[in-house]
Amino acid sequence: MRFRGEHPARRGVQARDVLRRFALVVRVLVSTAGKDAFARAMPLYMGMGLVAAVVFGGNGMHPSQLTGIAGESPLFRVALWGAWLLVGTPAARALLRAPATFFLRALPVPRRELLSAHALLLAVAELPWVALWAVGAGALAGCAAGAAALAARCMLLARPRGARELSALALLAGAIALGAPASVLLACAAPALAVGLRAAVARAPEIPAGRERSMIPSAAPALVALALAYLAALVRGHRAVLVRGLALAAIGALAAAAWARNSGRFGGGPLTAASLVALAPVALCAGAGLSGPVLREERRLAWLLDACGAAAGLRAGAVIAAVAAPLVALALGHGAVVGALTGAAPSVTLRLVGGAGLAGLLLAAIALGCVRWSVRQDGRDSSRVLLSVLAAIVASIAAAWTLGDLALAAFAPVAALLAGPAGARWLSPGRGRGAAAGEGRAP
């Protein structure tokens, strides 16, 4: 006797095998690439959480007001989407391109299961974005925003090639830029997600190689050369930190502009205070992320600086310049974006840009001091960094909210104390004995 189809017990066994295999792939991805992805995403999500607590907490705005502004203003909508894509890209790249996971591609695992496991973990990073749109515009809008963000991120990581991928990306980008309804956006995101996810996973092992050019002029002064050396180490080995800083700055600018537009406060004083309140947690989180790699480079080059007889002022100046330069650039962009999105007068925009640039410099010095004090290489550095930066964020937000522009005068002495040569000596792990034997002595 012949039976049509398979026996139900047989189908059940196959389903259990598929689930077991899928769970194993997910477990491997979490235990390998997931740790690095979490480490990259944690500072960003912490900064976003602090900004969200300021913007949406208490008497702040509701998520529906933010999504409403994004629906009405094409410039604000594109900036908001761009900031979110910048936020999660480093973590997604770490998840896809971890060498420890490449062996999964050689195992007899069906492609759909491997793609589904990657999609599941990548979708976890989109949950805050989904929550924002779900609360602000409804469940369908949240699903559409999450699918579109995941598709766009996969497309960016895959570096589209060919007419099919470019067409899918163009369709998705057009739907986002034009503010398409949730159902249309979801329909445009589906083909882009299918094509982009497959391409991103398949091309992950293709790590581009290129020649790095020297960033240090041969005739540069000692302070400039040492600061550029630290910046070169940041650019070449820690691009994700710079991208996270850019994403946090964009989120802070959008939050300040959204609050101003929602409350109708476009005057110089209230707008500047709102800009500083939004910039403070962003600048301190980004500054802490930049300070760690720079201080590691400083410790690695300590023997060379000792041999050259580098003075304490030179060392401290080069470190603060390397941390502050990218942060000041981001802060200037923050002020300019807030002025442009709120339609502020030229004089108010100039005040915003100038105040943000000075705040970026001072907050970079404060963040550097917090990290320098926290790093003692005893296994508890991360907790100390988190607590010290959180304390600095709370104090800076309170000062900016109550004092406005005058908060910069309060930041200045703290920054000078923490980032100067004396602060570098007393906050270092040596605690006053000096990090190096020749510190502070000229040749």
Protein backbone atom coordinates (compact mmCIF):
# COMPACT_ATOMS: atom_id res chain seq x y z
CA MET A 1 0.00 0.00 0.00
CA ARG A 2 1.33 3.48 -0.92
CA PHE A 3 0.81 6.59 1.19
CA ARG A 4 0.71 10.12 -0.03
CA GLY A 5 2.97 12.48 1.83
CA GLU A 6 5.02 11.73 4.90
CA HIS A 7 3.96 10.16 8.14
CA PRO A 8 3.11 12.77 10.85
CA ALA A 9 5.67 11.25 13.23
CA ARG A 10 8.33 11.61 10.56
CA ARG A 11 7.44 15.24 10.01
CA GLY A 12 7.60 15.85 13.76
CA VAL A 13 11.08 14.36 14.00
CA GLN A 14 12.27 16.52 11.12
CA ALA A 15 10.79 19.64 12.72
CA ARG A 16 12.57 18.88 16.00
CA ASP A 17 15.83 18.35 14.13
CA VAL A 18 15.46 21.69 12.39
CA LEU A 19 14.73 23.50 15.66
CA ARG A 20 17.64 21.79 17.41
CA ARG A 21 20.03 22.69 14.59
CA PHE A 22 18.76 26.27 14.46
CA ALA A 23 19.18 26.66 18.23
CA LEU A 24 22.75 25.36 17.98
CA VAL A 25 23.63 27.88 15.26
CA VAL A 26 22.13 30.72 17.33
CA ARG A 27 24.06 29.57 20.40
CA VAL A 28 27.34 29.54 18.47
CA LEU A 29 26.70 33.02 17.11
CA VAL A 30 25.82 34.38 20.55
CA SER A 31 28.84 32.83 22.26
CA THR A 32 31.31 34.10 19.64
CA ALA A 33 30.25 37.17 17.69
CA GLY A 34 27.51 38.10 20.15
CA LYS A 35 29.97 39.11 22.88
CA ASP A 36 31.82 41.53 20.62
CA ALA A 37 28.57 42.90 19.23
CA PHE A 38 27.23 43.47 22.74
CA ALA A 39 30.42 45.26 23.80
CA ARG A 40 30.14 47.56 20.79
CA ALA A 41 26.43 48.24 21.22
CA MET A 42 26.35 48.78 25.00
CA PRO A 43 27.84 52.33 25.07
CA LEU A 44 25.54 53.42 22.26
CA TYR A 45 22.39 52.04 23.81
CA MET A 46 23.37 53.46 27.18
CA GLY A 47 23.74 56.90 25.62
CA MET A 48 20.46 56.54 23.75
CA GLY A 49 18.73 55.46 26.93
CA LEU A 50 19.95 58.55 28.76
CA VAL A 51 18.88 60.85 25.92
CA ALA A 52 15.49 59.10 25.74
CA ALA A 53 15.04 59.48 29.51
CA VAL A 54 15.65 63.22 29.18
CA VAL A 55 13.45 63.70 26.08
CA PHE A 56 10.55 61.35 26.88
CA GLY A 57 10.64 61.33 30.65
CA GLY A 58 8.61 63.50 33.02
CA ASN A 59 7.05 66.44 31.20
CA GLY A 60 8.94 65.72 27.97
CA MET A 61 7.52 64.83 24.59
CA HIS A 62 5.66 61.62 23.67
CA PRO A 63 7.07 59.23 21.03
CA SER A 64 4.03 60.02 18.85
CA GLN A 65 5.18 63.63 18.66
CA LEU A 66 8.63 62.56 17.48
CA THR A 67 7.23 60.22 14.84
CA GLY A 68 4.79 62.95 13.84
CA ILE A 69 7.64 65.39 13.24
CA ALA A 70 9.44 62.70 11.23
CA GLY A 71 6.32 62.23 9.11
CA GLU A 72 5.96 65.95 8.43
CA SER A 73 9.59 66.96 7.84
CA PRO A 74 11.56 65.04 5.14
CA LEU A 75 14.88 66.48 6.41
CA PHE A 76 14.19 65.42 9.98
CA ARG A 77 12.97 61.98 8.84
CA VAL A 78 16.09 61.29 6.77
CA ALA A 79 18.35 62.53 9.58
CA LEU A 80 16.54 60.34 12.13
CA TRP A 81 16.83 57.23 9.95
CA GLY A 82 20.46 57.98 9.17
CA ALA A 83 21.31 58.38 12.85
CA TRP A 84 19.67 55.07 13.72
CA LEU A 85 21.48 53.22 10.94
CA LEU A 86 24.78 54.63 12.17
CA VAL A 87 24.00 53.54 15.73
CA GLY A 88 23.63 49.81 15.08
CA THR A 89 26.00 49.28 12.16
CA PRO A 90 29.16 48.61 14.26
CA ALA A 91 27.39 45.91 16.28
CA ALA A 92 25.87 44.35 13.15
CA ARG A 93 29.26 44.35 11.45
CA ALA A 94 30.83 42.64 14.46
CA LEU A 95 28.10 40.01 14.40
CA LEU A 96 28.46 39.25 10.69
CA ARG A 97 32.22 39.51 10.28
CA ALA A 98 33.50 37.66 13.34
CA PRO A 99 36.10 35.15 12.03
CA ALA A 100 35.07 32.66 14.72
CA THR A 101 31.73 32.18 12.95
CA PHE A 102 33.01 31.61 9.42
CA PHE A 103 33.23 27.84 9.92
CA LEU A 104 29.42 27.71 10.04
CA ARG A 105 29.36 28.37 6.29
CA ALA A 106 31.26 25.13 5.66
CA LEU A 107 28.94 22.94 7.74
CA PRO A 108 26.00 21.05 6.21
CA VAL A 109 23.54 23.61 7.55
CA PRO A 110 20.78 24.71 5.15
CA ARG A 111 21.28 28.28 3.98
CA ARG A 112 17.82 29.36 5.16
CA GLU A 113 18.61 28.29 8.73
CA LEU A 114 21.93 30.13 8.75
CA LEU A 115 20.29 33.27 7.36
CA SER A 116 17.43 33.00 9.84
CA ALA A 117 19.83 32.76 12.78
CA HIS A 118 21.70 35.87 11.64
CA ALA A 119 18.42 37.71 11.03
CA LEU A 120 17.18 36.85 14.53
CA LEU A 121 20.25 38.28 16.23
CA LEU A 122 20.36 41.32 13.96
CA ALA A 123 16.70 42.00 14.70
CA VAL A 124 17.41 42.18 18.44
CA ALA A 125 19.43 45.35 17.83
CA GLU A 126 16.40 46.94 16.13
CA LEU A 127 14.08 46.53 19.12
CA PRO A 128 14.44 50.14 20.41
CA TRP A 129 13.65 51.44 16.93
CA VAL A 130 10.64 49.13 16.69
CA ALA A 131 9.45 50.24 20.14
CA LEU A 132 9.72 53.92 19.21
CA TRP A 133 7.56 53.55 16.10
CA ALA A 134 5.17 51.05 17.67
CA VAL A 135 4.43 53.35 20.60
CA GLY A 136 4.40 56.47 18.45
CA ALA A 137 2.54 55.28 15.34
CA GLY A 138 1.13 51.81 15.98
CA ALA A 139 2.12 48.15 15.77
CA LEU A 140 2.16 48.04 11.96
CA ALA A 141 4.44 51.06 11.82
CA GLY A 142 6.77 49.41 14.33
CA CYS A 143 6.99 46.21 12.28
CA ALA A 144 7.56 48.19 9.08
CA ALA A 145 10.24 50.37 10.67
CA GLY A 146 12.05 47.33 12.10
CA ALA A 147 11.99 45.45 8.79
CA ALA A 148 13.11 48.52 6.85
CA ALA A 149 15.95 49.26 9.28
CA LEU A 150 17.13 45.65 9.19
CA ALA A 151 16.98 45.58 5.38
CA ALA A 152 18.83 48.89 5.06
CA ARG A 153 21.53 47.77 7.49
CA CYS A 154 22.07 44.50 5.63
CA MET A 155 22.28 46.39 2.36
CA LEU A 156 24.89 48.77 3.77
CA LEU A 157 27.01 45.89 5.08
CA ALA A 158 26.67 43.93 1.83
CA ARG A 159 27.80 46.84 -0.37
CA PRO A 160 25.20 46.25 -3.11
CA ARG A 161 26.32 44.96 -6.48
CA GLY A 162 24.30 44.30 -9.58
CA ALA A 163 20.97 45.59 -10.80
CA ARG A 164 18.81 43.48 -8.48
CA GLU A 165 20.47 44.62 -5.26
CA LEU A 166 20.72 48.25 -6.35
CA SER A 167 17.08 48.27 -7.42
CA ALA A 168 15.94 46.83 -4.08
CA LEU A 169 18.03 49.40 -2.21
CA ALA A 170 16.68 52.27 -4.33
CA LEU A 171 13.10 51.13 -3.71
CA LEU A 172 13.66 50.97 0.04
CA ALA A 173 15.50 54.31 0.17
CA GLY A 174 12.72 55.96 -1.82
CA ALA A 175 10.04 54.63 0.53
CA ILE A 176 11.93 55.95 3.57
CA ALA A 177 12.74 59.33 2.05
CA LEU A 178 9.19 59.93 0.81
CA GLY A 179 7.61 58.89 4.10
CA ALA A 180 5.57 56.03 2.65
CA PRO A 181 2.73 54.53 4.74
CA ALA A 182 3.60 51.60 6.97
CA SER A 183 2.09 48.99 4.65
CA VAL A 184 3.98 50.35 1.62
CA LEU A 185 7.21 50.59 3.60
CA LEU A 186 6.83 46.98 4.74
CA ALA A 187 6.22 45.86 1.15
CA CYS A 188 9.33 47.73 -0.06
CA ALA A 189 11.45 46.37 2.81
CA ALA A 190 10.63 42.69 2.12
CA PRO A 191 12.62 42.29 -1.16
CA ALA A 192 15.46 44.44 0.15
CA LEU A 193 15.69 42.29 3.30
CA ALA A 194 15.66 39.04 1.34
CA VAL A 195 18.38 40.20 -1.06
CA GLY A 196 20.44 42.19 1.45
CA LEU A 197 20.57 39.56 4.21
CA ARG A 198 21.74 36.87 1.83
CA ALA A 199 24.40 39.13 0.33
CA ALA A 200 25.60 40.43 3.72
CA VAL A 201 26.08 36.94 5.15
CA ALA A 202 27.73 35.59 1.99
CA ARG A 203 30.19 38.51 1.67
CA ALA A 204 31.04 38.83 5.36
CA PRO A 205 34.42 37.03 5.07
CA GLU A 206 35.50 39.45 2.35
CA ILE A 207 37.52 41.89 4.44
CA PRO A 208 38.80 44.70 2.23
CA ALA A 209 42.50 45.36 2.46
CA GLY A 210 44.12 48.64 1.58
CA ARG A 211 47.25 50.67 2.10
CA GLU A 212 47.22 53.10 4.98
CA ARG A 213 48.83 56.46 4.31
CA SER A 214 50.74 58.32 6.96
CA MET A 215 48.69 60.93 8.78
CA ILE A 216 51.69 62.65 10.39
CA PRO A 217 53.58 65.36 8.43
CA SER A 218 57.33 64.99 8.62
CA ALA A 219 57.84 68.58 9.85
CA ALA A 220 55.03 68.65 12.40
CA PRO A 221 55.77 69.97 15.93
CA ALA A 222 56.10 67.39 18.69
CA LEU A 223 52.65 68.10 20.17
CA VAL A 224 50.92 67.92 16.78
CA ALA A 225 52.84 64.79 15.75
CA LEU A 226 52.02 62.93 18.97
CA ALA A 227 48.34 63.94 18.83
CA LEU A 228 48.13 62.84 15.18
CA ALA A 229 49.73 59.53 16.11
CA TYR A 230 46.97 58.91 18.63
CA LEU A 231 44.35 59.98 16.07
CA ALA A 232 45.86 57.62 13.49
CA ALA A 233 45.52 54.76 15.97
CA LEU A 234 41.87 55.71 16.50
CA VAL A 235 41.08 55.93 12.78
CA ARG A 236 42.86 52.70 11.83
CA GLY A 237 41.99 50.48 14.75
CA HIS A 238 38.84 51.94 16.30
CA ARG A 239 36.65 53.25 13.50
CA ALA A 240 33.61 51.82 15.25
CA VAL A 241 34.23 54.18 18.19
CA LEU A 242 34.19 57.16 15.83
CA VAL A 243 31.02 55.90 14.14
CA ARG A 244 29.34 55.47 17.52
CA GLY A 245 30.30 59.03 18.44
CA LEU A 246 28.82 60.33 15.18
CA ALA A 247 25.62 58.39 15.75
CA LEU A 248 25.28 59.63 19.33
CA ALA A 249 25.87 63.22 18.22
CA ALA A 250 23.17 62.88 15.57
CA ILE A 251 20.72 61.44 18.09
CA GLY A 252 21.43 64.25 20.56
CA ALA A 253 20.90 66.92 17.90
CA LEU A 254 17.64 65.34 16.77
CA ALA A 255 16.43 65.07 20.37
CA ALA A 256 17.16 68.74 21.08
CA ALA A 257 15.51 69.87 17.84
CA ALA A 258 12.45 67.69 18.44
CA TRP A 259 12.04 69.05 21.97
CA ALA A 260 12.35 72.66 20.77
CA ARG A 261 9.86 72.18 17.94
CA ASN A 262 7.41 70.41 20.22
CA SER A 263 7.61 73.01 23.00
CA GLY A 264 7.88 76.03 20.69
CA ARG A 265 10.91 77.44 22.51
CA PHE A 266 13.13 78.91 19.80
CA GLY A 267 14.71 81.69 21.80
CA GLY A 268 18.47 81.84 22.30
CA GLY A 269 18.51 80.96 26.00
CA PRO A 270 16.05 78.03 26.09
CA LEU A 271 17.31 76.58 22.81
CA THR A 272 20.93 76.74 23.90
CA ALA A 273 20.09 75.13 27.23
CA ALA A 274 18.20 72.34 25.46
CA SER A 275 21.14 71.82 23.10
CA LEU A 276 23.59 71.54 26.00
CA VAL A 277 21.28 69.17 27.91
CA ALA A 278 21.10 66.86 24.89
CA LEU A 279 24.82 67.22 24.12
CA ALA A 280 26.14 66.50 27.63
CA PRO A 281 25.35 62.75 27.86
CA VAL A 282 26.27 62.26 24.20
CA ALA A 283 29.63 64.01 24.53
CA LEU A 284 30.56 62.27 27.76
CA CYS A 285 29.68 58.79 26.42
CA ALA A 286 31.49 59.44 23.14
CA GLY A 287 34.45 60.99 24.98
CA ALA A 288 34.74 57.98 27.25
CA GLY A 289 34.71 55.69 24.21
CA LEU A 290 37.49 57.72 22.57
CA SER A 291 39.55 58.03 25.76
CA GLY A 292 40.01 54.30 26.27
CA PRO A 293 41.93 53.57 23.02
CA VAL A 294 43.97 56.79 23.32
CA LEU A 295 45.05 56.00 26.89
CA ARG A 296 45.99 52.46 25.82
CA GLU A 297 48.18 53.94 23.09
CA GLU A 298 49.72 56.31 25.63
CA ARG A 299 50.64 53.40 27.90
CA ARG A 300 51.98 51.42 24.94
CA LEU A 301 54.22 54.31 23.88
CA ALA A 302 55.35 55.18 27.42
CA TRP A 303 58.82 53.65 26.93
CA LEU A 304 59.38 55.66 23.76
CA LEU A 305 58.18 58.90 25.35
CA ASP A 306 60.46 58.25 28.32
CA ALA A 307 63.40 57.62 26.01
CA CYS A 308 62.69 60.87 24.15
CA GLY A 309 62.30 62.84 27.36
CA ALA A 310 58.76 63.98 26.56
CA ALA A 311 57.49 66.42 29.20
CA ALA A 312 54.28 65.88 31.14
CA GLY A 313 52.62 68.87 29.48
CA LEU A 314 53.36 67.49 26.03
CA ARG A 315 51.91 64.10 26.90
CA ALA A 316 48.76 65.49 28.50
CA GLY A 317 48.23 67.98 25.65
CA ALA A 318 48.58 65.34 22.96
CA VAL A 319 46.12 63.00 24.69
CA ILE A 320 43.45 65.66 25.21
CA ALA A 321 43.93 66.94 21.65
CA ALA A 322 43.41 63.43 20.23
CA VAL A 323 40.24 62.91 22.28
CA ALA A 324 38.85 66.42 21.85
CA ALA A 325 39.45 66.92 18.11
CA PRO A 326 36.80 64.46 16.86
CA LEU A 327 34.45 65.34 19.71
CA VAL A 328 34.63 69.07 19.01
CA ALA A 329 33.89 68.37 15.34
CA LEU A 330 30.86 66.32 16.34
CA ALA A 331 29.72 69.01 18.78
CA LEU A 332 29.98 71.72 16.11
CA GLY A 333 27.86 69.55 13.83
CA HIS A 334 25.40 69.07 16.70
CA GLY A 335 24.95 72.81 17.09
CA ALA A 336 24.61 73.38 13.35
CA VAL A 337 22.00 70.61 12.99
CA VAL A 338 19.96 71.92 15.92
CA GLY A 339 19.98 75.40 14.41
CA ALA A 340 19.01 74.14 10.95
CA LEU A 341 16.21 71.84 12.12
CA THR A 342 14.65 74.50 14.35
CA GLY A 343 14.96 77.33 11.82
CA ALA A 344 16.83 79.47 14.36
CA ALA A 345 18.04 82.96 13.49
CA PRO A 346 21.68 83.27 12.33
CA SER A 347 22.74 84.86 15.62
CA VAL A 348 21.10 82.06 17.60
CA THR A 349 22.64 79.42 15.33
CA LEU A 350 26.08 80.98 15.83
CA ARG A 351 25.52 80.89 19.58
CA LEU A 352 24.46 77.25 19.35
CA VAL A 353 27.49 76.23 17.31
CA GLY A 354 29.97 78.15 19.47
CA GLY A 355 28.52 76.87 22.73
CA ALA A 356 28.39 73.29 21.45
CA GLY A 357 32.00 73.41 20.25
CA LEU A 358 33.26 74.74 23.58
CA ALA A 359 31.12 72.23 25.46
CA GLY A 360 32.56 69.42 23.32
CA LEU A 361 36.10 70.47 24.26
CA LEU A 362 35.36 70.75 27.99
CA LEU A 363 33.30 67.56 28.20
CA ALA A 364 36.00 65.64 26.32
CA ALA A 365 38.48 66.67 29.01
CA ILE A 366 36.05 65.62 31.77
CA ALA A 367 35.41 62.25 30.12
CA LEU A 368 39.15 61.71 29.74
CA GLY A 369 39.67 62.41 33.43
CA CYS A 370 36.91 59.97 34.38
CA VAL A 371 38.42 57.19 32.28
CA ARG A 372 41.98 57.91 33.44
CA TRP A 373 40.85 57.70 37.06
CA SER A 374 38.89 54.50 36.44
CA VAL A 375 41.58 52.49 34.63
CA ARG A 376 43.66 50.68 37.26
CA GLN A 377 43.90 47.24 35.58
CA ASP A 378 42.48 45.37 38.56
CA GLY A 379 39.48 43.78 36.84
CA ARG A 380 36.97 46.46 37.89
CA ASP A 381 37.78 49.14 35.38
CA SER A 382 34.52 48.82 33.42
CA SER A 383 32.31 49.33 36.48
CA ARG A 384 34.32 52.37 37.58
CA VAL A 385 34.15 53.88 34.09
CA LEU A 386 30.38 53.38 34.00
CA LEU A 387 29.80 54.89 37.44
CA SER A 388 32.13 57.86 36.93
CA VAL A 389 30.69 58.71 33.51
CA LEU A 390 27.13 58.39 34.83
CA ALA A 391 27.96 60.74 37.71
CA ALA A 392 29.49 63.23 35.26
CA ILE A 393 26.41 62.98 33.02
CA VAL A 394 24.00 63.67 35.88
CA ALA A 395 26.06 66.65 37.08
CA SER A 396 26.49 68.12 33.60
CA ILE A 397 22.79 67.77 32.71
CA ALA A 398 21.79 69.45 35.97
CA ALA A 399 24.25 72.28 35.38
CA ALA A 400 23.17 72.78 31.75
CA TRP A 401 19.47 72.73 32.62
CA THR A 402 19.74 75.21 35.50
CA LEU A 403 22.54 77.50 34.25
CA GLY A 404 22.25 77.34 30.46
CA ASP A 405 25.31 78.92 28.82
CA LEU A 406 26.84 79.63 32.22
CA ALA A 407 27.31 75.88 32.71
CA LEU A 408 30.35 76.16 30.43
CA ALA A 409 32.02 78.33 33.08
CA ALA A 410 31.40 75.54 35.60
CA PHE A 411 32.79 72.91 33.22
CA ALA A 412 36.02 74.83 32.54
CA PRO A 413 37.87 74.47 35.90
CA VAL A 414 36.85 70.82 36.23
CA ALA A 415 38.12 70.08 32.73
CA ALA A 416 41.40 71.92 33.35
CA LEU A 417 41.95 70.05 36.62
CA LEU A 418 41.19 66.60 35.19
CA ALA A 419 42.95 66.86 31.82
CA GLY A 420 45.99 68.97 32.74
CA PRO A 421 49.45 67.59 33.55
CA ALA A 422 48.70 67.54 37.29
CA GLY A 423 45.45 65.67 36.69
CA ALA A 424 47.17 63.19 34.38
CA ARG A 425 49.76 62.53 37.09
CA TRP A 426 47.37 62.17 40.02
CA LEU A 427 44.62 60.28 38.20
CA SER A 428 46.95 57.74 36.63
CA PRO A 429 47.23 54.24 38.18
CA GLY A 430 50.48 55.31 39.88
CA ARG A 431 48.48 57.79 42.03
CA GLY A 432 51.01 60.55 42.27
CA ARG A 433 54.13 58.46 41.72
CA GLY A 434 53.95 59.15 37.97
CA ALA A 435 53.08 56.75 35.23
CA ALA A 436 56.62 56.87 33.94
CA ALA A 437 59.97 57.45 35.54
CA GLY A 438 60.83 60.53 33.50
CA GLU A 439 57.37 62.11 33.54
CA GLY A 440 57.43 65.86 33.81
CA ARG A 441 61.18 66.22 33.11
CA ALA A 442 62.49 67.77 29.94
CA PRO A 443 65.62 66.21 28.37
